Amino acid sequence: MNQLIRPKTETIEKGNSMAIDNLQIIDMIAESKKKKNELVLGITDHLNWEDEHGHLMLLQEKINTYLMYIETKQYKEVYPGRNFEIFLIHIYFAYDIPENCEKFLEYALNYANDQIAPLILKIRAEVTG
């Protein structure tokens, strides 16, 4: 049985905030303004890289949550009647990402595109801190 992952649309509540370490929340979701068939999903990553392995494991779990959300079409609760063909997962990092994270994101993108074909998945990383 798949668990419904609800996008965070209401005010952030104590203990229920959006972030990489909260797997029950889709941090951000919006239709692309540039492409009519693209859905943009955002991940906010506030963690530093002192524990690189642990950080990468959290990132993997969060991306897996997003992939499940896409594969099970749970976005239709937010956008009923819409069929998206392109999904962009935009990750907002507070800290510069290490080389291992870049390699992981490339691997994750390739793996995900193999798994959810014929849909197109893109992953974009941006350092905001």
N, C-alpha and C. Protein backbone atom coordinates (compact mmCIF):
# COMPACT_ATOMS: atom_id res chain seq x y z
N MET A 1 0.84 -1.19 0.00
CA MET A 1 0.00 0.00 0.00
C MET A 1 0.88 1.24 0.00
N ASN A 2 0.64 2.13 -0.94
CA ASN A 2 1.40 3.37 -1.02
C ASN A 2 0.82 4.39 -0.07
N GLN A 3 1.70 5.11 0.59
CA GLN A 3 1.27 6.17 1.49
C GLN A 3 1.21 7.47 0.71
N LEU A 4 0.17 8.22 0.91
CA LEU A 4 0.02 9.50 0.23
C LEU A 4 1.02 10.50 0.80
N ILE A 5 1.79 11.11 -0.06
CA ILE A 5 2.73 12.15 0.34
C ILE A 5 2.07 13.47 -0.02
N ARG A 6 1.75 14.24 0.97
CA ARG A 6 1.04 15.49 0.73
C ARG A 6 2.01 16.66 0.53
N PRO A 7 1.77 17.44 -0.52
CA PRO A 7 2.60 18.63 -0.69
C PRO A 7 2.31 19.63 0.42
N LYS A 8 3.33 20.34 0.81
CA LYS A 8 3.19 21.33 1.87
C LYS A 8 2.66 22.61 1.25
N THR A 9 1.39 22.90 1.50
CA THR A 9 0.81 24.11 0.93
C THR A 9 0.34 25.08 2.01
N GLU A 10 0.08 24.56 3.20
CA GLU A 10 -0.38 25.43 4.27
C GLU A 10 0.81 26.02 5.01
N THR A 11 0.54 26.86 5.99
CA THR A 11 1.59 27.46 6.79
C THR A 11 2.40 26.36 7.47
N ILE A 12 3.69 26.55 7.54
CA ILE A 12 4.55 25.57 8.18
C ILE A 12 4.20 25.50 9.66
N GLU A 13 3.98 24.27 10.12
CA GLU A 13 3.63 24.05 11.51
C GLU A 13 4.84 23.51 12.25
N LYS A 14 4.89 23.77 13.55
CA LYS A 14 6.00 23.27 14.36
C LYS A 14 6.06 21.75 14.25
N GLY A 15 7.26 21.24 13.97
CA GLY A 15 7.44 19.80 13.87
C GLY A 15 6.96 19.21 12.56
N ASN A 16 6.49 20.04 11.64
CA ASN A 16 5.97 19.54 10.37
C ASN A 16 6.45 20.43 9.23
N SER A 17 7.73 20.78 9.27
CA SER A 17 8.25 21.71 8.29
C SER A 17 8.83 21.01 7.07
N MET A 18 8.92 21.76 6.01
CA MET A 18 9.50 21.22 4.79
C MET A 18 11.01 21.25 4.91
N ALA A 19 11.65 20.20 4.48
CA ALA A 19 13.10 20.11 4.47
C ALA A 19 13.50 18.72 4.03
N ILE A 20 14.76 18.58 3.70
CA ILE A 20 15.29 17.31 3.22
C ILE A 20 15.05 16.19 4.23
N ASP A 21 15.05 16.50 5.52
CA ASP A 21 14.92 15.46 6.53
C ASP A 21 13.46 15.18 6.92
N ASN A 22 12.50 15.75 6.21
CA ASN A 22 11.09 15.42 6.42
C ASN A 22 10.59 14.72 5.17
N LEU A 23 10.54 13.39 5.24
CA LEU A 23 10.19 12.59 4.06
C LEU A 23 8.69 12.57 3.78
N GLN A 24 7.88 13.08 4.67
CA GLN A 24 6.44 13.06 4.47
C GLN A 24 5.91 14.30 3.77
N ILE A 25 6.81 15.17 3.37
CA ILE A 25 6.40 16.44 2.77
C ILE A 25 7.08 16.62 1.41
N ILE A 26 6.28 17.03 0.42
CA ILE A 26 6.83 17.54 -0.83
C ILE A 26 7.05 19.02 -0.57
N ASP A 27 8.31 19.44 -0.55
CA ASP A 27 8.64 20.78 -0.09
C ASP A 27 7.99 21.87 -0.94
N MET A 28 8.06 21.72 -2.26
CA MET A 28 7.49 22.71 -3.17
C MET A 28 6.95 22.00 -4.40
N ILE A 29 5.86 22.53 -4.95
CA ILE A 29 5.30 21.97 -6.18
C ILE A 29 4.65 23.10 -6.97
N ALA A 30 4.90 23.13 -8.27
CA ALA A 30 4.31 24.16 -9.13
C ALA A 30 4.38 23.73 -10.58
N GLU A 31 3.43 24.22 -11.36
CA GLU A 31 3.51 24.03 -12.80
C GLU A 31 4.58 24.96 -13.35
N SER A 32 5.30 24.48 -14.33
CA SER A 32 6.31 25.32 -14.98
C SER A 32 5.62 26.44 -15.73
N LYS A 33 6.18 27.62 -15.66
CA LYS A 33 5.66 28.75 -16.43
C LYS A 33 6.19 28.72 -17.85
N LYS A 34 7.29 27.97 -18.07
CA LYS A 34 7.91 27.92 -19.39
C LYS A 34 7.40 26.78 -20.25
N LYS A 35 7.06 25.65 -19.62
CA LYS A 35 6.62 24.47 -20.38
C LYS A 35 5.30 23.99 -19.80
N LYS A 36 4.29 23.87 -20.64
CA LYS A 36 2.95 23.54 -20.14
C LYS A 36 2.82 22.12 -19.62
N ASN A 37 3.69 21.22 -20.02
CA ASN A 37 3.58 19.84 -19.58
C ASN A 37 4.66 19.46 -18.56
N GLU A 38 5.23 20.48 -17.89
CA GLU A 38 6.29 20.23 -16.91
C GLU A 38 5.82 20.58 -15.51
N LEU A 39 6.08 19.67 -14.56
CA LEU A 39 5.79 19.91 -13.15
C LEU A 39 7.12 20.06 -12.42
N VAL A 40 7.23 21.12 -11.64
CA VAL A 40 8.45 21.40 -10.89
C VAL A 40 8.22 21.05 -9.43
N LEU A 41 9.11 20.21 -8.89
CA LEU A 41 9.07 19.82 -7.48
C LEU A 41 10.36 20.30 -6.83
N GLY A 42 10.26 20.93 -5.69
CA GLY A 42 11.45 21.47 -5.04
C GLY A 42 11.78 20.76 -3.74
N ILE A 43 13.08 20.59 -3.51
CA ILE A 43 13.60 20.05 -2.25
C ILE A 43 14.46 21.14 -1.61
N THR A 44 14.23 21.40 -0.33
CA THR A 44 15.06 22.35 0.39
C THR A 44 16.02 21.58 1.28
N ASP A 45 17.30 21.85 1.11
CA ASP A 45 18.35 21.14 1.84
C ASP A 45 19.16 22.15 2.63
N HIS A 46 18.91 22.18 3.93
CA HIS A 46 19.54 23.15 4.82
C HIS A 46 20.78 22.59 5.53
N LEU A 47 21.10 21.33 5.29
CA LEU A 47 22.16 20.65 6.04
C LEU A 47 23.55 20.94 5.47
N ASN A 48 24.55 20.97 6.36
CA ASN A 48 25.93 21.09 5.90
C ASN A 48 26.42 19.69 5.52
N TRP A 49 27.65 19.59 5.11
CA TRP A 49 28.19 18.32 4.60
C TRP A 49 29.20 17.68 5.54
N GLU A 50 29.13 18.00 6.83
CA GLU A 50 30.05 17.38 7.79
C GLU A 50 29.91 15.86 7.81
N ASP A 51 28.67 15.38 7.74
CA ASP A 51 28.42 13.94 7.64
C ASP A 51 27.97 13.65 6.21
N GLU A 52 28.93 13.60 5.30
CA GLU A 52 28.62 13.48 3.88
C GLU A 52 27.80 12.23 3.58
N HIS A 53 28.20 11.09 4.13
CA HIS A 53 27.48 9.85 3.87
C HIS A 53 26.02 9.93 4.36
N GLY A 54 25.83 10.40 5.58
CA GLY A 54 24.48 10.54 6.12
C GLY A 54 23.63 11.51 5.31
N HIS A 55 24.26 12.59 4.88
CA HIS A 55 23.57 13.60 4.08
C HIS A 55 23.13 13.00 2.74
N LEU A 56 24.04 12.26 2.10
CA LEU A 56 23.69 11.63 0.82
C LEU A 56 22.57 10.61 0.99
N MET A 57 22.57 9.89 2.11
CA MET A 57 21.49 8.92 2.36
C MET A 57 20.14 9.63 2.51
N LEU A 58 20.13 10.75 3.23
CA LEU A 58 18.89 11.54 3.36
C LEU A 58 18.42 12.05 2.01
N LEU A 59 19.36 12.53 1.22
CA LEU A 59 19.03 13.04 -0.11
C LEU A 59 18.45 11.92 -0.98
N GLN A 60 19.03 10.75 -0.89
CA GLN A 60 18.51 9.60 -1.64
C GLN A 60 17.09 9.26 -1.20
N GLU A 61 16.84 9.25 0.10
CA GLU A 61 15.50 8.96 0.60
C GLU A 61 14.49 10.01 0.14
N LYS A 62 14.90 11.27 0.17
CA LYS A 62 13.99 12.34 -0.24
C LYS A 62 13.68 12.24 -1.74
N ILE A 63 14.70 11.98 -2.56
CA ILE A 63 14.47 11.81 -3.99
C ILE A 63 13.57 10.61 -4.24
N ASN A 64 13.79 9.51 -3.52
CA ASN A 64 12.93 8.33 -3.67
C ASN A 64 11.48 8.66 -3.32
N THR A 65 11.28 9.50 -2.30
CA THR A 65 9.92 9.94 -1.94
C THR A 65 9.29 10.69 -3.11
N TYR A 66 10.06 11.56 -3.74
CA TYR A 66 9.56 12.33 -4.87
C TYR A 66 9.25 11.42 -6.06
N LEU A 67 10.11 10.43 -6.30
CA LEU A 67 9.87 9.50 -7.40
C LEU A 67 8.59 8.71 -7.17
N MET A 68 8.36 8.28 -5.93
CA MET A 68 7.12 7.57 -5.62
C MET A 68 5.91 8.49 -5.84
N TYR A 69 6.04 9.73 -5.44
CA TYR A 69 4.99 10.73 -5.63
C TYR A 69 4.66 10.88 -7.12
N ILE A 70 5.69 10.90 -7.95
CA ILE A 70 5.50 11.03 -9.40
C ILE A 70 4.90 9.76 -9.98
N GLU A 71 5.49 8.61 -9.64
CA GLU A 71 5.04 7.33 -10.21
C GLU A 71 3.60 7.00 -9.86
N THR A 72 3.18 7.35 -8.66
CA THR A 72 1.82 7.05 -8.22
C THR A 72 0.85 8.17 -8.57
N LYS A 73 1.35 9.19 -9.26
CA LYS A 73 0.54 10.32 -9.74
C LYS A 73 -0.22 11.03 -8.63
N GLN A 74 0.39 11.11 -7.46
CA GLN A 74 -0.25 11.81 -6.35
C GLN A 74 -0.38 13.30 -6.60
N TYR A 75 0.38 13.83 -7.55
CA TYR A 75 0.28 15.24 -7.91
C TYR A 75 -1.10 15.57 -8.45
N LYS A 76 -1.87 14.57 -8.88
CA LYS A 76 -3.20 14.82 -9.42
C LYS A 76 -4.16 15.35 -8.37
N GLU A 77 -3.82 15.16 -7.08
CA GLU A 77 -4.64 15.77 -6.03
C GLU A 77 -4.46 17.28 -6.01
N VAL A 78 -3.28 17.75 -6.42
CA VAL A 78 -3.01 19.18 -6.48
C VAL A 78 -3.42 19.75 -7.83
N TYR A 79 -3.19 18.96 -8.89
CA TYR A 79 -3.49 19.38 -10.26
C TYR A 79 -4.39 18.33 -10.92
N PRO A 80 -5.66 18.26 -10.50
CA PRO A 80 -6.56 17.25 -11.08
C PRO A 80 -6.74 17.44 -12.58
N GLY A 81 -6.78 16.33 -13.28
CA GLY A 81 -6.99 16.38 -14.72
C GLY A 81 -5.76 16.71 -15.52
N ARG A 82 -4.66 17.02 -14.88
CA ARG A 82 -3.42 17.37 -15.59
C ARG A 82 -2.56 16.13 -15.79
N ASN A 83 -1.97 16.01 -16.96
CA ASN A 83 -1.03 14.95 -17.26
C ASN A 83 0.30 15.60 -17.63
N PHE A 84 1.27 15.42 -16.78
CA PHE A 84 2.59 15.99 -17.02
C PHE A 84 3.48 14.94 -17.65
N GLU A 85 4.36 15.38 -18.54
CA GLU A 85 5.31 14.49 -19.20
C GLU A 85 6.73 14.73 -18.73
N ILE A 86 6.97 15.91 -18.18
CA ILE A 86 8.30 16.28 -17.71
C ILE A 86 8.21 16.66 -16.23
N PHE A 87 9.14 16.13 -15.46
CA PHE A 87 9.20 16.42 -14.03
C PHE A 87 10.59 16.95 -13.71
N LEU A 88 10.64 18.11 -13.10
CA LEU A 88 11.90 18.71 -12.69
C LEU A 88 11.97 18.71 -11.17
N ILE A 89 12.97 18.04 -10.63
CA ILE A 89 13.22 18.11 -9.19
C ILE A 89 14.34 19.12 -9.00
N HIS A 90 14.00 20.24 -8.40
CA HIS A 90 14.96 21.32 -8.19
C HIS A 90 15.37 21.27 -6.72
N ILE A 91 16.66 21.06 -6.49
CA ILE A 91 17.17 20.95 -5.12
C ILE A 91 17.89 22.24 -4.76
N TYR A 92 17.44 22.86 -3.69
CA TYR A 92 18.03 24.11 -3.21
C TYR A 92 18.93 23.78 -2.02
N PHE A 93 20.24 23.80 -2.24
CA PHE A 93 21.21 23.50 -1.21
C PHE A 93 21.64 24.78 -0.50
N ALA A 94 21.79 24.72 0.82
CA ALA A 94 22.29 25.87 1.58
C ALA A 94 23.81 25.95 1.52
N TYR A 95 24.46 24.82 1.22
CA TYR A 95 25.92 24.77 1.20
C TYR A 95 26.40 24.20 -0.13
N ASP A 96 27.62 24.58 -0.51
CA ASP A 96 28.23 24.01 -1.71
C ASP A 96 28.22 22.50 -1.61
N ILE A 97 27.95 21.86 -2.75
CA ILE A 97 27.87 20.40 -2.73
C ILE A 97 29.22 19.79 -3.09
N PRO A 98 29.56 18.68 -2.42
CA PRO A 98 30.83 18.01 -2.72
C PRO A 98 30.73 17.22 -4.02
N GLU A 99 31.88 16.81 -4.52
CA GLU A 99 31.94 16.04 -5.76
C GLU A 99 31.10 14.76 -5.69
N ASN A 100 31.10 14.10 -4.55
CA ASN A 100 30.31 12.87 -4.41
C ASN A 100 28.81 13.14 -4.58
N CYS A 101 28.36 14.31 -4.17
CA CYS A 101 26.95 14.65 -4.35
C CYS A 101 26.65 14.87 -5.83
N GLU A 102 27.55 15.52 -6.53
CA GLU A 102 27.37 15.71 -7.98
C GLU A 102 27.27 14.35 -8.68
N LYS A 103 28.16 13.44 -8.31
CA LYS A 103 28.14 12.10 -8.90
C LYS A 103 26.84 11.38 -8.55
N PHE A 104 26.41 11.50 -7.29
CA PHE A 104 25.16 10.86 -6.88
C PHE A 104 23.98 11.39 -7.67
N LEU A 105 23.90 12.71 -7.84
CA LEU A 105 22.77 13.30 -8.56
C LEU A 105 22.74 12.84 -10.01
N GLU A 106 23.91 12.72 -10.62
CA GLU A 106 23.98 12.22 -12.00
C GLU A 106 23.49 10.77 -12.06
N TYR A 107 23.94 9.96 -11.11
CA TYR A 107 23.50 8.56 -11.05
C TYR A 107 21.99 8.48 -10.81
N ALA A 108 21.49 9.27 -9.86
CA ALA A 108 20.07 9.26 -9.53
C ALA A 108 19.22 9.64 -10.74
N LEU A 109 19.66 10.63 -11.47
CA LEU A 109 18.94 11.07 -12.67
C LEU A 109 18.87 9.94 -13.70
N ASN A 110 20.01 9.32 -13.98
CA ASN A 110 20.04 8.24 -14.96
C ASN A 110 19.17 7.06 -14.52
N TYR A 111 19.27 6.69 -13.26
CA TYR A 111 18.49 5.59 -12.73
C TYR A 111 16.99 5.90 -12.80
N ALA A 112 16.62 7.08 -12.37
CA ALA A 112 15.20 7.46 -12.35
C ALA A 112 14.62 7.50 -13.75
N ASN A 113 15.37 8.03 -14.70
CA ASN A 113 14.86 8.08 -16.07
C ASN A 113 14.67 6.69 -16.66
N ASP A 114 15.50 5.74 -16.25
CA ASP A 114 15.31 4.35 -16.68
C ASP A 114 14.06 3.75 -16.06
N GLN A 115 13.76 4.15 -14.81
CA GLN A 115 12.65 3.55 -14.07
C GLN A 115 11.29 4.13 -14.43
N ILE A 116 11.22 5.40 -14.73
CA ILE A 116 9.91 6.01 -14.96
C ILE A 116 9.65 6.35 -16.42
N ALA A 117 10.42 5.77 -17.33
CA ALA A 117 10.19 5.98 -18.75
C ALA A 117 8.74 5.64 -19.07
N PRO A 118 8.07 6.34 -19.95
CA PRO A 118 8.56 7.30 -20.92
C PRO A 118 8.56 8.74 -20.42
N LEU A 119 8.37 8.96 -19.12
CA LEU A 119 8.40 10.31 -18.61
C LEU A 119 9.83 10.84 -18.59
N ILE A 120 9.97 12.14 -18.58
CA ILE A 120 11.29 12.77 -18.55
C ILE A 120 11.48 13.38 -17.17
N LEU A 121 12.57 13.02 -16.52
CA LEU A 121 12.91 13.57 -15.22
C LEU A 121 14.19 14.36 -15.35
N LYS A 122 14.19 15.54 -14.73
CA LYS A 122 15.39 16.37 -14.69
C LYS A 122 15.68 16.67 -13.22
N ILE A 123 16.94 16.78 -12.88
CA ILE A 123 17.34 17.19 -11.55
C ILE A 123 18.27 18.38 -11.69
N ARG A 124 17.97 19.44 -10.98
CA ARG A 124 18.79 20.65 -11.02
C ARG A 124 19.18 21.00 -9.59
N ALA A 125 20.45 21.25 -9.37
CA ALA A 125 20.95 21.64 -8.06
C ALA A 125 21.35 23.11 -8.08
N GLU A 126 21.02 23.80 -6.99
CA GLU A 126 21.35 25.21 -6.88
C GLU A 126 21.77 25.49 -5.44
N VAL A 127 22.89 26.17 -5.26
CA VAL A 127 23.33 26.56 -3.94
C VAL A 127 22.79 27.95 -3.65
N THR A 128 22.03 28.06 -2.56
CA THR A 128 21.39 29.33 -2.24
C THR A 128 22.01 30.01 -1.02
N GLY A 129 22.89 29.29 -0.33
CA GLY A 129 23.46 29.83 0.92
C GLY A 129 24.73 30.58 0.72
